Each structure stands twice: as C-alpha cells, then as structure tokens.
Amino acid sequence: MAKEPKSELMTAEETCRYLKITPRTLYRYLRSRRIPAFKLGKEWRFVRSDLEQWIRDRTRATLASYRTRYIDVRR
C-alpha cells in the first residue's frame, strides 16, 4: 500500500510536531518573525519546504559561528 504524500502546507500543531518544539516556542518564533509562516484567516500556516530551507540556513549559520569562535581562534 502506497503512503499518501505529506501535505506541503502545515498547521501550527503539525509544525510543532515536525520541529519537535512546543507551541509556546513556535509562537515566540512567530512573534519575533524568526520562522517563515503566513496567516490563512486566523490560523498560521507553514510551508514544509520553507521550513526545511529555514533549518538548513540556521544549521549553516550555527556551523559558521562555531568555526569562527572555536576553530579560527586556535590558529
């Protein structure tokens, strides 16, 4: 039996499960505009591919910061 493709558009609840964060953390990110999202009516919606890119960008920034702080300092 084939699995149904996952929806590209996600609710806040689905996004919390996907990112493994609490709703409180998600809404804090939304208030500070740190996460890609948009409102559909009164509800927040998230595009899965945007979240994946956001994660990649944050990972790269964290790694670059780590290299600058810890690796370049030792030289």
PDB file of N, CA and C in Angstrom:
ATOM      1  N   MET A   1       0.847  -1.180   0.000  1.00  0.00           N
ATOM      2  CA  MET A   1       0.000   0.000   0.000  1.00  0.00           C
ATOM      3  C   MET A   1       0.892   1.244   0.000  1.00  0.00           C
ATOM      4  N   ALA A   2       0.667   2.172  -0.907  1.00  0.00           N
ATOM      5  CA  ALA A   2       1.477   3.386  -1.013  1.00  0.00           C
ATOM      6  C   ALA A   2       1.046   4.405   0.030  1.00  0.00           C
ATOM      7  N   LYS A   3       2.041   5.099   0.565  1.00  0.00           N
ATOM      8  CA  LYS A   3       1.740   6.162   1.529  1.00  0.00           C
ATOM      9  C   LYS A   3       1.269   7.399   0.769  1.00  0.00           C
ATOM     10  N   GLU A   4       0.372   8.137   1.398  1.00  0.00           N
ATOM     11  CA  GLU A   4      -0.052   9.404   0.812  1.00  0.00           C
ATOM     12  C   GLU A   4       1.075  10.409   0.978  1.00  0.00           C
ATOM     13  N   PRO A   5       1.303  11.271  -0.030  1.00  0.00           N
ATOM     14  CA  PRO A   5       2.359  12.280   0.132  1.00  0.00           C
ATOM     15  C   PRO A   5       1.980  13.256   1.239  1.00  0.00           C
ATOM     16  N   LYS A   6       2.981  13.688   1.979  1.00  0.00           N
ATOM     17  CA  LYS A   6       2.723  14.641   3.051  1.00  0.00           C
ATOM     18  C   LYS A   6       2.361  15.985   2.453  1.00  0.00           C
ATOM     19  N   SER A   7       1.425  16.651   3.082  1.00  0.00           N
ATOM     20  CA  SER A   7       0.990  17.949   2.606  1.00  0.00           C
ATOM     21  C   SER A   7       2.115  18.973   2.749  1.00  0.00           C
ATOM     22  N   GLU A   8       2.245  19.804   1.750  1.00  0.00           N
ATOM     23  CA  GLU A   8       3.256  20.864   1.779  1.00  0.00           C
ATOM     24  C   GLU A   8       2.848  21.953   2.776  1.00  0.00           C
ATOM     25  N   LEU A   9       1.553  22.147   2.954  1.00  0.00           N
ATOM     26  CA  LEU A   9       1.034  23.178   3.853  1.00  0.00           C
ATOM     27  C   LEU A   9       0.733  22.553   5.208  1.00  0.00           C
ATOM     28  N   MET A  10       1.280  23.157   6.267  1.00  0.00           N
ATOM     29  CA  MET A  10       1.150  22.585   7.606  1.00  0.00           C
ATOM     30  C   MET A  10       0.509  23.575   8.575  1.00  0.00           C
ATOM     31  N   THR A  11      -0.210  23.036   9.555  1.00  0.00           N
ATOM     32  CA  THR A  11      -0.793  23.850  10.621  1.00  0.00           C
ATOM     33  C   THR A  11       0.266  24.092  11.698  1.00  0.00           C
ATOM     34  N   ALA A  12      -0.074  24.913  12.669  1.00  0.00           N
ATOM     35  CA  ALA A  12       0.837  25.164  13.790  1.00  0.00           C
ATOM     36  C   ALA A  12       1.096  23.872  14.560  1.00  0.00           C
ATOM     37  N   GLU A  13       0.067  23.089  14.780  1.00  0.00           N
ATOM     38  CA  GLU A  13       0.218  21.825  15.513  1.00  0.00           C
ATOM     39  C   GLU A  13       1.133  20.860  14.761  1.00  0.00           C
ATOM     40  N   GLU A  14       0.938  20.736  13.458  1.00  0.00           N
ATOM     41  CA  GLU A  14       1.791  19.856  12.651  1.00  0.00           C
ATOM     42  C   GLU A  14       3.236  20.350  12.640  1.00  0.00           C
ATOM     43  N   THR A  15       3.395  21.666  12.600  1.00  0.00           N
ATOM     44  CA  THR A  15       4.732  22.258  12.592  1.00  0.00           C
ATOM     45  C   THR A  15       5.453  21.988  13.905  1.00  0.00           C
ATOM     46  N   CYS A  16       4.741  22.088  15.013  1.00  0.00           N
ATOM     47  CA  CYS A  16       5.344  21.780  16.317  1.00  0.00           C
ATOM     48  C   CYS A  16       5.836  20.335  16.355  1.00  0.00           C
ATOM     49  N   ARG A  17       5.024  19.420  15.855  1.00  0.00           N
ATOM     50  CA  ARG A  17       5.450  18.011  15.825  1.00  0.00           C
ATOM     51  C   ARG A  17       6.647  17.833  14.893  1.00  0.00           C
ATOM     52  N   TYR A  18       6.603  18.470  13.745  1.00  0.00           N
ATOM     53  CA  TYR A  18       7.679  18.349  12.758  1.00  0.00           C
ATOM     54  C   TYR A  18       9.002  18.878  13.309  1.00  0.00           C
ATOM     55  N   LEU A  19       8.962  20.037  13.974  1.00  0.00           N
ATOM     56  CA  LEU A  19      10.182  20.656  14.515  1.00  0.00           C
ATOM     57  C   LEU A  19      10.533  20.152  15.914  1.00  0.00           C
ATOM     58  N   LYS A  20       9.609  19.417  16.524  1.00  0.00           N
ATOM     59  CA  LYS A  20       9.789  18.902  17.886  1.00  0.00           C
ATOM     60  C   LYS A  20      10.009  20.046  18.873  1.00  0.00           C
ATOM     61  N   ILE A  21       9.109  21.027  18.783  1.00  0.00           N
ATOM     62  CA  ILE A  21       9.120  22.163  19.706  1.00  0.00           C
ATOM     63  C   ILE A  21       7.724  22.330  20.293  1.00  0.00           C
ATOM     64  N   THR A  22       7.630  23.082  21.367  1.00  0.00           N
ATOM     65  CA  THR A  22       6.338  23.328  21.996  1.00  0.00           C
ATOM     66  C   THR A  22       5.612  24.450  21.253  1.00  0.00           C
ATOM     67  N   PRO A  23       4.284  24.507  21.381  1.00  0.00           N
ATOM     68  CA  PRO A  23       3.548  25.612  20.781  1.00  0.00           C
ATOM     69  C   PRO A  23       4.040  26.973  21.294  1.00  0.00           C
ATOM     70  N   ARG A  24       4.412  27.017  22.552  1.00  0.00           N
ATOM     71  CA  ARG A  24       4.913  28.271  23.127  1.00  0.00           C
ATOM     72  C   ARG A  24       6.161  28.747  22.375  1.00  0.00           C
ATOM     73  N   THR A  25       7.081  27.833  22.080  1.00  0.00           N
ATOM     74  CA  THR A  25       8.290  28.188  21.335  1.00  0.00           C
ATOM     75  C   THR A  25       7.932  28.629  19.923  1.00  0.00           C
ATOM     76  N   LEU A  26       7.028  27.902  19.275  1.00  0.00           N
ATOM     77  CA  LEU A  26       6.623  28.263  17.913  1.00  0.00           C
ATOM     78  C   LEU A  26       6.040  29.670  17.877  1.00  0.00           C
ATOM     79  N   TYR A  27       5.142  29.989  18.792  1.00  0.00           N
ATOM     80  CA  TYR A  27       4.527  31.316  18.794  1.00  0.00           C
ATOM     81  C   TYR A  27       5.530  32.404  19.173  1.00  0.00           C
ATOM     82  N   ARG A  28       6.527  32.068  19.971  1.00  0.00           N
ATOM     83  CA  ARG A  28       7.591  33.030  20.264  1.00  0.00           C
ATOM     84  C   ARG A  28       8.380  33.330  18.982  1.00  0.00           C
ATOM     85  N   TYR A  29       8.683  32.295  18.203  1.00  0.00           N
ATOM     86  CA  TYR A  29       9.350  32.491  16.913  1.00  0.00           C
ATOM     87  C   TYR A  29       8.481  33.328  15.974  1.00  0.00           C
ATOM     88  N   LEU A  30       7.184  33.073  15.985  1.00  0.00           N
ATOM     89  CA  LEU A  30       6.276  33.847  15.120  1.00  0.00           C
ATOM     90  C   LEU A  30       6.248  35.316  15.521  1.00  0.00           C
ATOM     91  N   ARG A  31       6.149  35.583  16.820  1.00  0.00           N
ATOM     92  CA  ARG A  31       6.118  36.972  17.291  1.00  0.00           C
ATOM     93  C   ARG A  31       7.375  37.730  16.902  1.00  0.00           C
ATOM     94  N   SER A  32       8.510  37.051  16.931  1.00  0.00           N
ATOM     95  CA  SER A  32       9.776  37.714  16.607  1.00  0.00           C
ATOM     96  C   SER A  32      10.132  37.588  15.123  1.00  0.00           C
ATOM     97  N   ARG A  33       9.212  37.016  14.345  1.00  0.00           N
ATOM     98  CA  ARG A  33       9.386  36.848  12.891  1.00  0.00           C
ATOM     99  C   ARG A  33      10.645  36.069  12.544  1.00  0.00           C
ATOM    100  N   ARG A  34      10.933  35.039  13.318  1.00  0.00           N
ATOM    101  CA  ARG A  34      12.136  34.221  13.114  1.00  0.00           C
ATOM    102  C   ARG A  34      11.860  32.963  12.305  1.00  0.00           C
ATOM    103  N   ILE A  35      10.602  32.694  11.976  1.00  0.00           N
ATOM    104  CA  ILE A  35      10.243  31.471  11.263  1.00  0.00           C
ATOM    105  C   ILE A  35       9.325  31.831  10.093  1.00  0.00           C
ATOM    106  N   PRO A  36       9.531  31.202   8.921  1.00  0.00           N
ATOM    107  CA  PRO A  36       8.683  31.532   7.770  1.00  0.00           C
ATOM    108  C   PRO A  36       7.265  30.990   7.944  1.00  0.00           C
ATOM    109  N   ALA A  37       6.283  31.876   7.822  1.00  0.00           N
ATOM    110  CA  ALA A  37       4.884  31.483   8.002  1.00  0.00           C
ATOM    111  C   ALA A  37       3.983  32.574   7.424  1.00  0.00           C
ATOM    112  N   PHE A  38       2.709  32.240   7.300  1.00  0.00           N
ATOM    113  CA  PHE A  38       1.722  33.233   6.888  1.00  0.00           C
ATOM    114  C   PHE A  38       0.391  32.869   7.529  1.00  0.00           C
ATOM    115  N   LYS A  39      -0.493  33.847   7.588  1.00  0.00           N
ATOM    116  CA  LYS A  39      -1.808  33.606   8.169  1.00  0.00           C
ATOM    117  C   LYS A  39      -2.811  33.316   7.062  1.00  0.00           C
ATOM    118  N   LEU A  40      -3.621  32.309   7.297  1.00  0.00           N
ATOM    119  CA  LEU A  40      -4.734  31.960   6.422  1.00  0.00           C
ATOM    120  C   LEU A  40      -5.971  32.116   7.287  1.00  0.00           C
ATOM    121  N   GLY A  41      -6.641  33.244   7.116  1.00  0.00           N
ATOM    122  CA  GLY A  41      -7.724  33.582   8.041  1.00  0.00           C
ATOM    123  C   GLY A  41      -7.110  33.933   9.381  1.00  0.00           C
ATOM    124  N   LYS A  42      -7.522  33.239  10.422  1.00  0.00           N
ATOM    125  CA  LYS A  42      -6.981  33.476  11.761  1.00  0.00           C
ATOM    126  C   LYS A  42      -5.887  32.494  12.133  1.00  0.00           C
ATOM    127  N   GLU A  43      -5.635  31.530  11.274  1.00  0.00           N
ATOM    128  CA  GLU A  43      -4.692  30.459  11.596  1.00  0.00           C
ATOM    129  C   GLU A  43      -3.356  30.632  10.879  1.00  0.00           C
ATOM    130  N   TRP A  44      -2.271  30.308  11.571  1.00  0.00           N
ATOM    131  CA  TRP A  44      -0.944  30.316  10.976  1.00  0.00           C
ATOM    132  C   TRP A  44      -0.763  29.074  10.128  1.00  0.00           C
ATOM    133  N   ARG A  45      -0.093  29.236   8.986  1.00  0.00           N
ATOM    134  CA  ARG A  45       0.249  28.117   8.110  1.00  0.00           C
ATOM    135  C   ARG A  45       1.734  28.173   7.783  1.00  0.00           C
ATOM    136  N   PHE A  46       2.296  27.003   7.547  1.00  0.00           N
ATOM    137  CA  PHE A  46       3.724  26.864   7.302  1.00  0.00           C
ATOM    138  C   PHE A  46       3.910  25.981   6.077  1.00  0.00           C
ATOM    139  N   VAL A  47       4.826  26.358   5.205  1.00  0.00           N
ATOM    140  CA  VAL A  47       5.130  25.558   4.024  1.00  0.00           C
ATOM    141  C   VAL A  47       6.338  24.691   4.355  1.00  0.00           C
ATOM    142  N   ARG A  48       6.172  23.383   4.202  1.00  0.00           N
ATOM    143  CA  ARG A  48       7.206  22.431   4.608  1.00  0.00           C
ATOM    144  C   ARG A  48       8.560  22.745   3.955  1.00  0.00           C
ATOM    145  N   SER A  49       8.590  23.035   2.670  1.00  0.00           N
ATOM    146  CA  SER A  49       9.867  23.312   2.001  1.00  0.00           C
ATOM    147  C   SER A  49      10.513  24.592   2.542  1.00  0.00           C
ATOM    148  N   ASP A  50       9.704  25.579   2.926  1.00  0.00           N
ATOM    149  CA  ASP A  50      10.252  26.796   3.546  1.00  0.00           C
ATOM    150  C   ASP A  50      10.881  26.473   4.899  1.00  0.00           C
ATOM    151  N   LEU A  51      10.229  25.604   5.659  1.00  0.00           N
ATOM    152  CA  LEU A  51      10.775  25.208   6.958  1.00  0.00           C
ATOM    153  C   LEU A  51      12.075  24.427   6.790  1.00  0.00           C
ATOM    154  N   GLU A  52      12.119  23.550   5.784  1.00  0.00           N
ATOM    155  CA  GLU A  52      13.345  22.789   5.536  1.00  0.00           C
ATOM    156  C   GLU A  52      14.498  23.719   5.173  1.00  0.00           C
ATOM    157  N   GLN A  53      14.221  24.736   4.351  1.00  0.00           N
ATOM    158  CA  GLN A  53      15.257  25.710   3.992  1.00  0.00           C
ATOM    159  C   GLN A  53      15.673  26.523   5.218  1.00  0.00           C
ATOM    160  N   TRP A  54      14.718  26.906   6.040  1.00  0.00           N
ATOM    161  CA  TRP A  54      14.990  27.661   7.267  1.00  0.00           C
ATOM    162  C   TRP A  54      15.905  26.856   8.190  1.00  0.00           C
ATOM    163  N   ILE A  55      15.654  25.562   8.298  1.00  0.00           N
ATOM    164  CA  ILE A  55      16.500  24.698   9.127  1.00  0.00           C
ATOM    165  C   ILE A  55      17.911  24.644   8.548  1.00  0.00           C
ATOM    166  N   ARG A  56      18.024  24.456   7.223  1.00  0.00           N
ATOM    167  CA  ARG A  56      19.352  24.414   6.589  1.00  0.00           C
ATOM    168  C   ARG A  56      20.104  25.719   6.817  1.00  0.00           C
ATOM    169  N   ASP A  57      19.418  26.847   6.660  1.00  0.00           N
ATOM    170  CA  ASP A  57      20.056  28.156   6.860  1.00  0.00           C
ATOM    171  C   ASP A  57      20.532  28.325   8.301  1.00  0.00           C
ATOM    172  N   ARG A  58      19.705  27.920   9.245  1.00  0.00           N
ATOM    173  CA  ARG A  58      20.080  28.037  10.663  1.00  0.00           C
ATOM    174  C   ARG A  58      21.254  27.124  10.986  1.00  0.00           C
ATOM    175  N   THR A  59      21.276  25.939  10.388  1.00  0.00           N
ATOM    176  CA  THR A  59      22.366  24.999  10.622  1.00  0.00           C
ATOM    177  C   THR A  59      23.673  25.568  10.085  1.00  0.00           C
ATOM    178  N   ARG A  60      23.631  26.118   8.878  1.00  0.00           N
ATOM    179  CA  ARG A  60      24.832  26.723   8.284  1.00  0.00           C
ATOM    180  C   ARG A  60      25.327  27.891   9.130  1.00  0.00           C
ATOM    181  N   ALA A  61      24.411  28.738   9.584  1.00  0.00           N
ATOM    182  CA  ALA A  61      24.789  29.894  10.397  1.00  0.00           C
ATOM    183  C   ALA A  61      25.417  29.443  11.719  1.00  0.00           C
ATOM    184  N   THR A  62      24.859  28.410  12.311  1.00  0.00           N
ATOM    185  CA  THR A  62      25.393  27.894  13.564  1.00  0.00           C
ATOM    186  C   THR A  62      26.783  27.319  13.358  1.00  0.00           C
ATOM    187  N   LEU A  63      26.967  26.550  12.287  1.00  0.00           N
ATOM    188  CA  LEU A  63      28.276  25.974  12.000  1.00  0.00           C
ATOM    189  C   LEU A  63      29.305  27.059  11.714  1.00  0.00           C
ATOM    190  N   ALA A  64      28.923  28.080  10.959  1.00  0.00           N
ATOM    191  CA  ALA A  64      29.836  29.181  10.649  1.00  0.00           C
ATOM    192  C   ALA A  64      30.230  29.911  11.924  1.00  0.00           C
ATOM    193  N   SER A  65      29.269  30.133  12.799  1.00  0.00           N
ATOM    194  CA  SER A  65      29.542  30.797  14.068  1.00  0.00           C
ATOM    195  C   SER A  65      30.486  29.951  14.924  1.00  0.00           C
ATOM    196  N   TYR A  66      30.245  28.665  14.947  1.00  0.00           N
ATOM    197  CA  TYR A  66      31.099  27.756  15.713  1.00  0.00           C
ATOM    198  C   TYR A  66      32.533  27.806  15.182  1.00  0.00           C
ATOM    199  N   ARG A  67      32.676  27.733  13.863  1.00  0.00           N
ATOM    200  CA  ARG A  67      34.011  27.766  13.262  1.00  0.00           C
ATOM    201  C   ARG A  67      34.735  29.057  13.598  1.00  0.00           C
ATOM    202  N   THR A  68      34.014  30.175  13.516  1.00  0.00           N
ATOM    203  CA  THR A  68      34.613  31.465  13.804  1.00  0.00           C
ATOM    204  C   THR A  68      35.049  31.563  15.257  1.00  0.00           C
ATOM    205  N   ARG A  69      34.231  31.109  16.160  1.00  0.00           N
ATOM    206  CA  ARG A  69      34.519  31.231  17.584  1.00  0.00           C
ATOM    207  C   ARG A  69      35.563  30.254  18.077  1.00  0.00           C
ATOM    208  N   TYR A  70      35.486  29.019  17.629  1.00  0.00           N
ATOM    209  CA  TYR A  70      36.304  27.974  18.247  1.00  0.00           C
ATOM    210  C   TYR A  70      37.460  27.466  17.393  1.00  0.00           C
ATOM    211  N   ILE A  71      37.283  27.425  16.109  1.00  0.00           N
ATOM    212  CA  ILE A  71      38.340  26.871  15.269  1.00  0.00           C
ATOM    213  C   ILE A  71      39.335  27.951  14.853  1.00  0.00           C
ATOM    214  N   ASP A  72      38.837  29.094  14.382  1.00  0.00           N
ATOM    215  CA  ASP A  72      39.737  30.158  13.923  1.00  0.00           C
ATOM    216  C   ASP A  72      40.526  30.769  15.067  1.00  0.00           C
ATOM    217  N   VAL A  73      39.993  30.749  16.259  1.00  0.00           N
ATOM    218  CA  VAL A  73      40.661  31.330  17.425  1.00  0.00           C
ATOM    219  C   VAL A  73      41.932  30.555  17.759  1.00  0.00           C
ATOM    220  N   ARG A  74      41.918  29.253  17.510  1.00  0.00           N
ATOM    221  CA  ARG A  74      43.062  28.415  17.847  1.00  0.00           C
ATOM    222  C   ARG A  74      44.239  28.611  16.913  1.00  0.00           C
ATOM    223  N   ARG A  75      44.039  29.182  15.773  1.00  0.00           N
ATOM    224  CA  ARG A  75      45.134  29.354  14.794  1.00  0.00           C
ATOM    225  C   ARG A  75      46.096  30.420  15.192  1.00  0.00           C
TER     226      ARG A  75
END
